[in-house]
Protein backbone atom coordinates (compact mmCIF):
# COMPACT_ATOMS: atom_id res chain seq x y z
CA MET A 1 0.09 -0.07 -0.08
CA MET A 2 0.98 3.43 -0.48
CA ALA A 3 2.60 5.66 2.30
CA ASN A 4 -0.06 8.49 1.63
CA SER A 5 -3.57 6.93 3.19
CA PHE A 6 -5.29 9.44 1.90
CA ASN A 7 -8.40 7.26 -0.90
CA PRO A 8 -10.15 10.26 -3.20
CA PHE A 9 -12.34 7.79 -4.27
CA ALA A 10 -13.39 7.02 -0.02
CA PHE A 11 -13.64 10.31 0.25
CA TYR A 12 -15.92 10.60 -2.31
CA GLY A 13 -17.96 7.39 -0.99
CA MET A 14 -16.55 5.80 -4.52
CA GLU A 15 -15.69 2.32 -5.02
CA GLU A 16 -12.43 2.12 -6.90
CA HIS A 17 -12.82 2.07 -11.18
CA PHE A 18 -10.89 3.85 -13.46
CA PHE A 19 -13.47 5.33 -15.23
CA PRO A 20 -16.25 6.61 -12.46
CA ASN A 21 -19.00 8.61 -13.35
CA GLU A 22 -17.70 12.07 -14.10
CA GLN A 23 -21.01 13.91 -13.18
CA LEU A 24 -20.77 11.95 -10.27
CA VAL A 25 -17.21 13.07 -9.35
CA ARG A 26 -17.90 17.13 -10.53
CA SER A 27 -21.17 17.29 -8.29
CA THR A 28 -19.73 15.33 -5.59
CA PHE A 29 -17.05 18.40 -5.80
CA LEU A 30 -18.97 21.17 -5.76
CA GLU A 31 -20.88 20.11 -3.38
CA LEU A 32 -18.40 19.72 -0.76
CA SER A 33 -16.54 23.12 -2.06
CA ARG A 34 -19.64 24.79 -1.62
CA LYS A 35 -19.94 22.91 2.33
CA HIS A 36 -16.59 23.37 3.30
CA HIS A 37 -15.51 26.24 1.72
CA PRO A 38 -13.28 29.02 3.60
CA ASP A 39 -15.07 31.81 3.06
CA TYR A 40 -18.08 30.65 5.11
CA PHE A 41 -16.20 29.70 8.16
CA PRO A 42 -14.57 33.25 10.92
CA TYR A 43 -11.07 33.82 10.37
CA ASP A 44 -8.53 31.98 12.64
CA THR A 45 -10.66 29.39 14.08
CA PRO A 46 -11.01 25.76 14.24
CA GLU A 47 -13.71 26.01 12.04
CA HIS A 48 -12.19 27.48 9.16
CA ALA A 49 -8.74 25.84 9.74
CA GLU A 50 -10.93 22.31 9.20
CA ALA A 51 -12.78 24.00 6.16
CA LEU A 52 -9.48 24.66 4.73
CA HIS A 53 -8.38 20.87 5.79
CA TYR A 54 -11.53 19.45 4.03
CA SER A 55 -11.04 21.81 0.53
CA ASP A 56 -7.43 20.87 0.29
CA LEU A 57 -8.89 17.43 0.20
CA ASN A 58 -11.43 17.78 -1.84
CA ASN A 59 -9.11 19.53 -4.37
CA ARG A 60 -6.39 16.49 -4.19
CA ALA A 61 -9.59 13.76 -4.66
CA TYR A 62 -10.67 16.01 -7.64
CA LYS A 63 -7.45 16.06 -9.50
CA VAL A 64 -7.04 12.63 -9.12
CA LEU A 65 -10.48 11.52 -9.65
CA SER A 66 -10.88 13.67 -12.80
CA ARG A 67 -7.86 12.83 -15.16
CA PHE A 68 -7.44 9.19 -16.18
CA GLU A 69 -3.74 9.12 -16.13
CA ASP A 70 -3.81 10.45 -12.52
CA ARG A 71 -6.36 7.70 -11.58
CA LEU A 72 -4.04 5.00 -13.00
CA HIS A 73 -0.98 6.64 -11.07
CA TYR A 74 -3.27 6.57 -7.98
CA ILE A 75 -4.17 3.14 -8.28
CA LEU A 76 -1.62 1.38 -9.86
CA GLU A 77 0.22 2.98 -5.89
CA HIS A 78 -2.62 2.31 -3.85
CA HIS A 79 -2.44 -1.25 -5.04
CA GLY A 80 1.79 -1.64 -4.22
CA LEU A 81 2.88 -1.32 -7.93
CA LEU A 82 4.11 1.70 -8.27
CA GLN A 83 6.92 2.96 -5.48
CA GLU A 84 7.97 6.37 -4.91
CA GLY A 85 11.62 6.94 -7.38
CA GLU A 86 11.16 3.21 -9.36
CA LYS A 87 13.01 3.10 -12.44
CA ASN A 88 10.74 1.95 -15.27
CA ILE A 89 11.51 -1.96 -16.11
CA LEU A 90 10.40 -1.90 -19.83
CA PRO A 91 9.67 -4.89 -22.18
CA PRO A 92 12.50 -5.69 -24.18
CA ALA A 93 10.45 -5.57 -27.61
CA PHE A 94 9.80 -1.79 -26.44
CA LEU A 95 13.01 -1.06 -26.05
CA TYR A 96 14.18 -2.29 -29.07
CA ASP A 97 11.12 -0.11 -31.06
CA MET A 98 12.67 2.93 -29.21
CA LEU A 99 15.97 3.04 -31.25
CA GLU A 100 14.75 3.48 -34.07
CA LEU A 101 12.52 6.85 -32.39
CA ASN A 102 15.91 8.19 -30.45
CA ASP A 103 17.67 7.36 -33.67
CA MET A 104 14.81 9.87 -35.16
CA ILE A 105 15.53 12.77 -32.11
CA ASP A 106 18.96 12.23 -31.91
CA GLU A 107 18.69 13.52 -36.16
CA ALA A 108 15.86 16.07 -35.35
CA HIS A 109 18.37 17.77 -32.75
CA ALA A 110 21.06 17.97 -34.89
CA GLY A 111 18.77 19.83 -37.01
CA ASP A 112 17.12 17.18 -39.75
CA MET A 113 13.43 18.68 -40.07
CA SER A 114 12.44 15.52 -41.90
CA ALA A 115 13.49 13.57 -38.66
CA ARG A 116 11.87 15.73 -36.46
CA MET A 117 8.28 15.40 -38.62
CA GLN A 118 9.03 11.76 -38.36
CA ALA A 119 9.97 11.34 -34.58
CA GLU A 120 7.18 13.58 -33.34
CA SER A 121 4.54 11.27 -35.48
CA LEU A 122 5.85 8.10 -34.29
CA LEU A 123 5.58 9.59 -30.72
CA SER A 124 2.23 10.74 -30.89
CA SER A 125 1.00 7.73 -32.88
CA ARG A 126 3.00 5.80 -29.76
CA MET A 127 1.52 7.85 -27.23
CA LEU A 128 -2.47 7.26 -28.49
CA GLU A 129 -1.82 3.82 -29.29
CA LEU A 130 -0.41 3.18 -25.43
CA LYS A 131 -3.12 5.50 -24.28
CA SER A 132 -5.79 3.37 -25.54
CA GLU A 133 -4.73 0.20 -24.35
CA MET A 134 -4.27 1.11 -21.22
CA GLU A 135 -7.71 2.47 -21.68
CA GLN A 136 -8.98 -0.98 -22.65
CA VAL A 137 -7.17 -2.72 -19.57
CA ALA A 138 -8.57 -0.79 -17.58
CA LYS A 139 -11.91 -0.84 -18.56
CA ALA A 140 -11.64 -5.12 -17.50
CA TRP A 141 -10.10 -4.53 -14.36
CA ASP A 142 -12.92 -2.32 -13.83
CA GLU A 143 -15.66 -4.99 -15.34
CA HIS A 144 -13.23 -7.65 -13.37
CA ALA A 145 -11.25 -6.03 -10.66
CA ALA A 146 -8.31 -8.94 -11.71
CA HIS A 147 -4.91 -8.46 -10.71
CA GLU A 148 -3.45 -9.21 -13.94
CA TYR A 149 -4.91 -6.07 -15.51
CA LEU A 150 -3.28 -4.20 -13.03
CA GLY A 151 0.19 -5.58 -14.01
CA ASN A 152 -0.16 -4.84 -17.18
CA LEU A 153 -1.37 -1.56 -16.67
CA HIS A 154 1.95 -1.07 -14.48
CA SER A 155 3.63 -2.31 -17.40
CA LEU A 156 2.00 0.04 -19.83
CA TYR A 157 1.61 2.97 -18.06
CA GLN A 158 5.64 2.46 -17.42
CA GLN A 159 5.80 2.81 -21.10
CA TYR A 160 3.54 5.31 -21.00
CA ARG A 161 5.68 7.18 -18.52
CA TYR A 162 8.55 6.43 -20.94
CA LEU A 163 7.54 8.41 -23.99
CA LEU A 164 6.16 11.53 -21.80
CA ARG A 165 9.46 11.93 -20.80
CA LEU A 166 11.39 11.47 -24.00
CA GLU A 167 8.62 13.70 -25.16
CA ARG A 168 9.35 16.74 -22.89
CA ASN A 169 13.19 16.06 -23.55
CA PHE A 170 12.67 16.25 -27.27
CA SER A 171 10.64 19.26 -27.21
CA ALA A 172 12.89 20.98 -25.13
CA GLY A 173 15.77 19.90 -27.30
CA VAL A 174 14.96 21.17 -30.81
CA GLU A 175 12.67 24.33 -29.78
């Protein structure tokens, strides 16, 4: 289990799902925002401090529950599959596929515009493919809650994080 015990699903009174009801998430956020807004309580009182605390928890819960990638990260961490500072363990086939992309990025950094366009296209399409795969496996987990789905999601998420870092580094290096 994760070191931080805050559970945004429990805070909103929801079951853990990768695809919770978005309208329910939003309406719960708004309801709790109104109920615990610090401006409704006299400043420098215990009630105000408590409202600030609940407002912070509400914002944290909404941040996690309103984005698929944040829910994915939270659920994997909550189930002990992600550790703070862990290194990605990537499948050899994925790493092999990344050789070509890294070569294109190196060429783009050297000023090759054709390589830049190819690298951007390949990176974008691979990220979309991975996100789609993650969403399909997450939907299956929502239906069956089988642990093997989480293991598969962990592997896909590590690949996705690798591509996100590659994208950030690529963008920073060619601007």
